[in-house]
Amino acid sequence: MKKKIFYWSPCLNPVGTIKSTLNSAISLKRYNKNYDVYMINVCGEWKNYEDTLKKNSINSINLNFSYYRFLPKTGFFLSRFSYMIIFLLSFFPLLNLIRSQKPNIFFLHLITSLPLTILKFFNFKTEFILRISGYPKMTIFRKILWKSISSKIKLVTCPTFDLKKELDRSGIFGKEKLFFLPDAIIDITKVRNKNEFIDNELPKNKKIILSAGRLTKQKNYEFLINEFAEFSKTNDQFILVILGEGEEKNNLLKLVENKGIEKKVFLLGYKKNIYDYMRAGNVFILSSLWEEVGFVIVEAALCNSFVVSSNCPNGPREFLDNGKRGILFESNKESALNESLKNFSKMEKNKIFQKKVKLKKEAKKYTIFRHYLELEKILKN
């Protein structure tokens, strides 16, 4: 009999965790015919992926309520209000779903407080696996909840070794339950597809500094633009290209205008296939205030980009091996990125090549297939 595997990952906005959750489910279905994989659609998070789910023979279970489209999706307090509504209205539907469907394995990715609360008060034969996504803030509430249900959690997977070590030190979960599991970020077949299309609006004969991601406070693009503005005063070879949409877009456009660098900085919005831009770029910048590993720097590495990243918690420092595979700068420190860009512009081609080769080798650990192999080891353990 096939094992029934459920994925739980409610999300109001298309963050990276949605992609890695989907790829994880695809990996299990693609490489093991003994699994029936189900995605629980809570607030429309899988609506835009229906074709992908169908193509990969992944089932969708709908807990979806029509109210979700009216919920606030941005702002700290408003988004927390939305998550509280999701929690309250999804409690009994999720409880009934687990009781009736009796999944063998239940992966918890986002808004984990809901299934964990259910698990605290009810007993199931299902094996619950907690996937820590991002860089969790160790609030009192989270510590108490995790500690209270730790005995009922089968396994805990972490996207970085640093996070695994931190959780081990906390003593919340037993060491034997903690596992490092690289995110399923890369589908090699998609990386290899080349459209060779770069916007005609970009200046010719300029080197490209590229960055990509949602335009949010976390990504720290204001800092990136300010640092690039200083760098460009003494180095006119480069332009800055930022891909992505988000609530900070208007503020960033105003900043570019105020700095008078409209001909040097280009916010091109969302691009379905960013790999062509990564291949065309000379250097990729991650300026985030925190990241689990930074999906975009893994993708950039696979596209042979040189990576410059903030040493923010928790993943980039580990991925870049403290700068041995790229350049790390002190997160959010004035002039730190400016100096790093200067160092890159002066770096010998051979040294750049060596760091790129090392980083690309590391990035291959984050393919869908490698994720499957590691996850299978963990499940069999």
Protein backbone atom coordinates (compact mmCIF):
# COMPACT_ATOMS: atom_id res chain seq x y z
CA MET A 1 0.00 0.00 0.00
CA LYS A 2 1.24 3.47 -0.87
CA LYS A 3 2.18 5.87 1.91
CA LYS A 4 -0.01 8.94 2.14
CA ILE A 5 2.02 12.14 2.62
CA PHE A 6 0.50 15.56 3.39
CA TYR A 7 2.18 18.97 3.03
CA TRP A 8 0.96 21.93 5.09
CA SER A 9 2.30 25.36 4.10
CA PRO A 10 -0.32 28.16 4.25
CA CYS A 11 0.95 31.49 2.96
CA LEU A 12 -0.62 34.80 1.96
CA ASN A 13 2.29 35.88 -0.27
CA PRO A 14 4.47 33.91 -2.73
CA VAL A 15 7.56 33.57 -0.51
CA GLY A 16 10.43 31.18 -1.26
CA THR A 17 9.09 28.55 1.14
CA ILE A 18 6.16 27.94 -1.21
CA LYS A 19 8.60 27.05 -3.99
CA SER A 20 10.71 24.76 -1.82
CA THR A 21 7.61 23.05 -0.40
CA LEU A 22 6.26 22.40 -3.87
CA ASN A 23 9.64 21.11 -5.08
CA SER A 24 9.91 18.84 -2.04
CA ALA A 25 6.52 17.31 -2.84
CA ILE A 26 7.50 16.93 -6.50
CA SER A 27 10.73 15.18 -5.52
CA LEU A 28 8.93 12.52 -3.48
CA LYS A 29 6.36 11.87 -6.20
CA ARG A 30 8.88 11.95 -9.04
CA TYR A 31 11.44 9.57 -7.55
CA ASN A 32 9.32 7.21 -5.44
CA LYS A 33 6.20 5.57 -6.85
CA ASN A 34 5.21 4.28 -3.40
CA TYR A 35 4.06 7.71 -2.23
CA ASP A 36 0.73 9.47 -2.69
CA VAL A 37 1.44 13.14 -2.11
CA TYR A 38 -1.15 15.75 -1.12
CA MET A 39 -0.93 19.54 -0.84
CA ILE A 40 -3.38 21.12 1.60
CA ASN A 41 -4.73 24.31 0.04
CA VAL A 42 -5.64 26.57 2.96
CA CYS A 43 -5.84 30.14 1.67
CA GLY A 44 -5.30 29.88 -2.07
CA GLU A 45 -1.53 29.36 -1.86
CA TRP A 46 -1.63 26.58 -4.49
CA LYS A 47 -4.19 28.13 -6.83
CA ASN A 48 -1.53 29.34 -9.28
CA TYR A 49 0.21 25.95 -9.26
CA GLU A 50 -2.72 23.75 -10.24
CA ASP A 51 -1.17 22.82 -13.60
CA THR A 52 2.14 21.95 -11.93
CA LEU A 53 0.39 19.79 -9.33
CA LYS A 54 -1.60 17.98 -12.00
CA LYS A 55 1.46 17.48 -14.20
CA ASN A 56 3.33 15.86 -11.30
CA SER A 57 0.34 13.76 -10.14
CA ILE A 58 0.14 15.57 -6.80
CA ASN A 59 -3.28 15.73 -5.17
CA SER A 60 -4.78 18.94 -3.79
CA ILE A 61 -7.02 18.96 -0.72
CA ASN A 62 -9.03 22.13 -0.44
CA LEU A 63 -9.57 23.75 2.96
CA ASN A 64 -9.82 26.99 1.03
CA PHE A 65 -12.34 29.60 2.17
CA SER A 66 -13.51 32.40 -0.11
CA TYR A 67 -12.62 34.95 2.59
CA TYR A 68 -8.86 34.61 2.03
CA ARG A 69 -8.74 37.07 -0.86
CA PHE A 70 -10.09 39.81 1.40
CA LEU A 71 -7.46 39.32 4.11
CA PRO A 72 -4.66 41.91 4.49
CA LYS A 73 -1.43 40.50 3.07
CA THR A 74 1.12 43.17 3.97
CA GLY A 75 2.18 44.96 7.14
CA PHE A 76 3.32 43.28 10.34
CA PHE A 77 0.14 43.70 12.41
CA LEU A 78 -2.34 43.25 9.55
CA SER A 79 -0.67 40.06 8.33
CA ARG A 80 -0.65 38.72 11.91
CA PHE A 81 -4.39 39.44 12.06
CA SER A 82 -4.85 37.45 8.83
CA TYR A 83 -2.89 34.50 10.20
CA MET A 84 -5.05 34.55 13.33
CA ILE A 85 -8.19 34.36 11.17
CA ILE A 86 -6.68 31.47 9.21
CA PHE A 87 -5.84 29.70 12.48
CA LEU A 88 -9.35 30.05 13.90
CA LEU A 89 -11.28 29.11 10.76
CA SER A 90 -8.99 26.24 9.79
CA PHE A 91 -8.72 24.52 13.18
CA PHE A 92 -11.64 22.09 12.94
CA PRO A 93 -11.41 21.50 9.16
CA LEU A 94 -7.76 20.47 9.60
CA LEU A 95 -8.53 18.33 12.65
CA ASN A 96 -11.30 16.53 10.76
CA LEU A 97 -9.05 16.10 7.73
CA ILE A 98 -6.28 14.39 9.72
CA ARG A 99 -8.82 12.16 11.50
CA SER A 100 -10.59 11.10 8.31
CA GLN A 101 -7.66 10.79 5.90
CA LYS A 102 -5.13 9.36 8.39
CA PRO A 103 -1.96 10.40 6.53
CA ASN A 104 1.20 8.39 7.21
CA ILE A 105 3.41 11.50 7.20
CA PHE A 106 2.46 15.14 7.75
CA PHE A 107 5.02 17.83 6.85
CA LEU A 108 4.55 21.18 8.65
CA HIS A 109 6.11 24.17 6.86
CA LEU A 110 4.32 27.49 7.59
CA ILE A 111 1.78 28.64 10.22
CA THR A 112 2.90 25.55 12.10
CA SER A 113 1.25 26.78 15.31
CA LEU A 114 -2.12 25.46 14.07
CA PRO A 115 -1.23 21.78 13.43
CA LEU A 116 1.08 21.84 16.47
CA THR A 117 -1.78 23.05 18.69
CA ILE A 118 -4.00 20.29 17.31
CA LEU A 119 -1.21 17.80 17.95
CA LYS A 120 -0.88 19.02 21.54
CA PHE A 121 -4.49 18.15 22.38
CA PHE A 122 -5.11 15.12 20.17
CA ASN A 123 -3.30 11.89 19.40
CA PHE A 124 -2.76 10.46 15.92
CA LYS A 125 -0.85 7.58 14.37
CA THR A 126 0.45 10.04 11.76
CA GLU A 127 4.16 10.92 11.91
CA PHE A 128 4.51 14.71 12.13
CA ILE A 129 7.69 16.26 10.71
CA LEU A 130 8.39 19.89 11.52
CA ARG A 131 10.26 21.78 8.80
CA ILE A 132 11.85 24.95 10.17
CA SER A 133 11.68 27.58 7.43
CA GLY A 134 13.54 30.86 7.44
CA TYR A 135 15.15 32.19 10.61
CA PRO A 136 12.63 31.64 13.45
CA LYS A 137 12.40 34.17 16.25
CA MET A 138 12.62 32.25 19.50
CA THR A 139 9.69 33.91 21.23
CA ILE A 140 8.40 32.72 24.59
CA PHE A 141 5.23 31.43 22.94
CA ARG A 142 7.18 29.45 20.31
CA LYS A 143 9.52 27.92 22.88
CA ILE A 144 6.62 26.86 25.12
CA LEU A 145 4.65 25.39 22.20
CA TRP A 146 7.63 23.51 20.75
CA LYS A 147 8.64 22.17 24.14
CA SER A 148 5.12 21.03 24.97
CA ILE A 149 4.74 18.95 21.79
CA SER A 150 8.36 17.90 21.23
CA SER A 151 7.60 14.31 22.29
CA LYS A 152 4.92 14.06 19.59
CA ILE A 153 7.13 15.38 16.80
CA LYS A 154 8.82 12.58 14.88
CA LEU A 155 11.59 14.66 13.26
CA VAL A 156 12.69 18.29 12.83
CA THR A 157 14.49 19.34 9.64
CA CYS A 158 16.61 22.50 9.37
CA PRO A 159 17.71 24.35 6.20
CA THR A 160 21.17 25.15 7.64
CA PHE A 161 23.70 23.49 9.94
CA ASP A 162 23.85 26.68 12.02
CA LEU A 163 20.13 26.49 12.77
CA LYS A 164 20.43 22.79 13.62
CA LYS A 165 23.21 23.60 16.10
CA GLU A 166 21.17 26.45 17.60
CA LEU A 167 18.15 24.19 18.14
CA ASP A 168 20.41 21.52 19.63
CA ARG A 169 21.76 24.06 22.15
CA SER A 170 18.23 25.15 23.04
CA GLY A 171 17.38 21.64 24.24
CA ILE A 172 13.80 21.95 22.98
CA PHE A 173 14.02 18.87 20.79
CA GLY A 174 16.18 15.83 21.34
CA LYS A 175 19.39 15.85 19.32
CA GLU A 176 18.38 12.59 17.65
CA LYS A 177 15.35 14.33 16.11
CA LEU A 178 17.29 17.17 14.44
CA PHE A 179 18.40 16.83 10.81
CA PHE A 180 19.97 19.15 8.26
CA LEU A 181 17.93 19.09 5.03
CA PRO A 182 18.84 21.42 2.13
CA ASP A 183 15.83 23.08 0.54
CA ALA A 184 14.61 21.76 -2.81
CA ILE A 185 15.43 24.96 -4.68
CA ILE A 186 16.73 23.93 -8.08
CA ASP A 187 15.06 22.04 -10.90
CA ILE A 188 18.05 21.51 -13.19
CA THR A 189 15.88 21.20 -16.30
CA LYS A 190 14.58 24.75 -15.78
CA VAL A 191 18.03 26.21 -15.12
CA ARG A 192 19.27 24.76 -18.39
CA ASN A 193 16.48 26.37 -20.41
CA LYS A 194 17.92 29.42 -22.13
CA ASN A 195 15.73 32.13 -23.63
CA GLU A 196 18.70 34.49 -24.06
CA PHE A 197 16.40 37.48 -23.56
CA ILE A 198 17.49 40.52 -21.60
CA ASP A 199 15.52 43.78 -21.58
CA ASN A 200 16.41 46.14 -24.41
CA GLU A 201 16.00 49.06 -22.01
CA LEU A 202 19.28 48.22 -20.30
CA PRO A 203 22.37 50.17 -21.38
CA LYS A 204 24.78 48.29 -23.61
CA ASN A 205 28.44 47.66 -22.79
CA LYS A 206 27.84 47.84 -19.04
CA LYS A 207 28.60 45.20 -16.43
CA ILE A 208 25.53 44.05 -14.51
CA ILE A 209 25.14 43.89 -10.74
CA LEU A 210 22.01 41.83 -10.21
CA SER A 211 19.69 41.32 -7.25
CA ALA A 212 16.32 39.57 -7.08
CA GLY A 213 13.56 38.90 -4.57
CA ARG A 214 10.42 40.42 -3.09
CA LEU A 215 10.75 44.15 -2.51
CA THR A 216 10.34 44.03 1.26
CA LYS A 217 12.14 45.38 4.32
CA GLN A 218 13.78 41.99 4.86
CA LYS A 219 15.61 42.17 1.52
CA ASN A 220 17.10 45.55 2.47
CA TYR A 221 17.09 47.03 -1.03
CA GLU A 222 17.24 50.59 0.30
CA PHE A 223 20.65 49.76 1.73
CA LEU A 224 21.69 48.13 -1.56
CA ILE A 225 20.72 51.18 -3.61
CA ASN A 226 22.49 53.59 -1.24
CA GLU A 227 25.66 51.49 -1.32
CA PHE A 228 25.56 51.17 -5.11
CA ALA A 229 25.09 54.95 -5.43
CA GLU A 230 28.36 55.47 -3.55
CA PHE A 231 30.15 52.74 -5.52
CA SER A 232 29.03 54.17 -8.87
CA LYS A 233 30.61 57.55 -8.09
CA THR A 234 34.04 56.03 -8.67
CA ASN A 235 33.12 53.13 -10.94
CA ASP A 236 30.98 53.83 -13.99
CA GLN A 237 31.32 50.36 -15.56
CA PHE A 238 28.40 48.84 -13.65
CA ILE A 239 24.62 49.16 -13.58
CA LEU A 240 22.32 47.73 -10.88
CA VAL A 241 19.35 45.58 -11.94
CA ILE A 242 16.74 44.52 -9.36
CA LEU A 243 14.08 41.92 -10.20
CA GLY A 244 10.92 41.48 -8.15
CA GLU A 245 7.72 43.11 -6.90
CA GLY A 246 6.61 44.12 -3.42
CA GLU A 247 5.31 46.82 -1.11
CA GLU A 248 8.61 48.73 -1.07
CA LYS A 249 8.71 49.35 -4.83
CA ASN A 250 7.45 52.95 -4.82
CA ASN A 251 9.81 53.93 -1.99
CA LEU A 252 12.74 52.40 -3.86
CA LEU A 253 11.85 54.18 -7.09
CA LYS A 254 11.73 57.49 -5.20
CA LEU A 255 15.13 56.74 -3.65
CA VAL A 256 16.63 56.08 -7.09
CA GLU A 257 15.19 59.37 -8.32
CA ASN A 258 16.43 61.32 -5.29
CA LYS A 259 19.92 59.88 -5.78
CA GLY A 260 19.86 60.88 -9.44
CA ILE A 261 20.83 57.40 -10.61
CA GLU A 262 17.86 56.59 -12.86
CA LYS A 263 20.24 55.69 -15.70
CA LYS A 264 22.22 53.32 -13.47
CA VAL A 265 19.55 51.49 -11.43
CA PHE A 266 16.73 49.50 -13.03
CA LEU A 267 13.80 47.93 -11.16
CA LEU A 268 12.40 45.56 -13.78
CA GLY A 269 9.65 43.90 -11.73
CA TYR A 270 8.81 40.22 -11.69
CA LYS A 271 10.44 37.94 -14.27
CA LYS A 272 9.17 34.41 -14.78
CA ASN A 273 12.61 33.11 -15.72
CA ILE A 274 15.39 34.98 -13.92
CA TYR A 275 18.08 32.53 -14.95
CA ASP A 276 18.87 34.44 -18.16
CA TYR A 277 19.52 37.56 -16.09
CA MET A 278 21.71 35.58 -13.69
CA ARG A 279 23.75 34.23 -16.59
CA ALA A 280 24.11 37.73 -18.03
CA GLY A 281 25.07 39.32 -14.69
CA ASN A 282 28.65 39.79 -13.60
CA VAL A 283 27.90 39.67 -9.88
CA PHE A 284 24.84 38.82 -7.78
CA ILE A 285 24.09 40.72 -4.57
CA LEU A 286 22.10 39.50 -1.56
CA SER A 287 21.56 42.39 0.86
CA SER A 288 19.00 40.71 3.16
CA LEU A 289 18.71 41.26 6.91
CA TRP A 290 17.99 37.54 7.41
CA GLU A 291 17.70 34.46 5.17
CA GLU A 292 17.50 30.70 5.63
CA VAL A 293 20.09 30.21 2.91
CA GLY A 294 18.92 32.64 0.27
CA PHE A 295 17.22 30.83 -2.61
CA VAL A 296 18.37 33.39 -5.15
CA ILE A 297 22.07 33.01 -4.33
CA VAL A 298 21.76 29.25 -4.83
CA GLU A 299 20.12 29.85 -8.22
CA ALA A 300 22.71 32.48 -9.11
CA ALA A 301 25.54 30.09 -8.23
CA LEU A 302 24.09 27.43 -10.56
CA CYS A 303 24.08 30.07 -13.31
CA ASN A 304 27.82 30.75 -12.79
CA SER A 305 27.30 34.11 -11.06
CA PHE A 306 29.79 35.46 -8.56
CA VAL A 307 27.95 36.06 -5.27
CA VAL A 308 28.38 38.92 -2.80
CA SER A 309 26.17 38.57 0.28
CA SER A 310 25.47 40.08 3.67
CA ASN A 311 26.55 37.85 6.55
CA CYS A 312 23.01 37.97 7.93
CA PRO A 313 21.60 35.12 9.96
CA ASN A 314 21.31 32.30 9.16
CA GLY A 315 22.27 30.73 5.84
CA PRO A 316 24.41 32.90 3.50
CA ARG A 317 27.55 32.73 5.65
CA GLU A 318 27.33 28.94 5.70
CA PHE A 319 26.61 28.71 1.96
CA LEU A 320 29.57 30.95 1.09
CA ASP A 321 31.81 29.17 3.63
CA ASN A 322 32.65 32.43 5.43
CA GLY A 323 33.61 34.10 2.15
CA LYS A 324 35.76 31.32 0.66
CA ARG A 325 33.19 30.82 -2.11
CA GLY A 326 32.33 34.48 -2.67
CA ILE A 327 32.39 37.73 -0.70
CA LEU A 328 30.64 38.41 2.61
CA PHE A 329 30.05 41.89 4.01
CA GLU A 330 28.80 42.97 7.41
CA SER A 331 25.03 43.13 7.24
CA ASN A 332 23.49 46.61 7.02
CA LYS A 333 26.79 48.34 7.85
CA GLU A 334 27.41 51.60 5.99
CA SER A 335 30.12 51.31 3.29
CA ALA A 336 30.52 47.54 3.83
CA LEU A 337 28.89 46.60 0.53
CA ASN A 338 30.54 49.52 -1.27
CA GLU A 339 33.96 48.22 -0.21
CA SER A 340 33.03 44.66 -1.22
CA LEU A 341 32.05 45.83 -4.70
CA LYS A 342 35.34 47.69 -4.99
CA ASN A 343 37.20 44.53 -3.99
CA PHE A 344 35.28 42.51 -6.56
CA SER A 345 36.00 45.01 -9.34
CA LYS A 346 39.74 44.66 -8.60
CA MET A 347 39.76 40.89 -8.16
CA GLU A 348 41.81 38.78 -10.55
CA LYS A 349 39.81 36.74 -13.05
CA ASN A 350 41.39 33.49 -11.91
CA LYS A 351 40.35 34.09 -8.29
CA ILE A 352 36.81 34.96 -9.36
CA PHE A 353 36.66 31.74 -11.38
CA GLN A 354 37.89 29.60 -8.49
CA LYS A 355 35.29 31.00 -6.07
CA LYS A 356 32.51 30.52 -8.64
CA VAL A 357 33.47 26.87 -9.20
CA LYS A 358 33.47 26.16 -5.44
CA LEU A 359 30.09 27.83 -4.99
CA LYS A 360 28.48 26.06 -7.95
CA LYS A 361 29.58 22.72 -6.50
CA GLU A 362 27.92 23.64 -3.18
CA ALA A 363 24.76 24.82 -4.95
CA LYS A 364 24.21 21.39 -6.49
CA LYS A 365 23.26 20.14 -3.02
CA TYR A 366 20.03 22.12 -3.40
CA THR A 367 18.62 20.35 -6.45
CA ILE A 368 15.30 18.52 -6.28
CA PHE A 369 17.04 15.15 -6.70
CA ARG A 370 19.61 15.76 -3.94
CA HIS A 371 16.80 16.97 -1.66
CA TYR A 372 14.94 13.70 -2.32
CA LEU A 373 17.99 11.58 -1.52
CA GLU A 374 18.58 13.39 1.79
CA LEU A 375 14.89 13.31 2.73
CA GLU A 376 14.68 9.57 2.04
CA LYS A 377 17.67 8.99 4.34
CA ILE A 378 15.96 10.99 7.07
CA LEU A 379 12.62 9.18 6.68
CA LYS A 380 14.31 5.78 6.81
CA ASN A 381 16.30 6.86 9.88
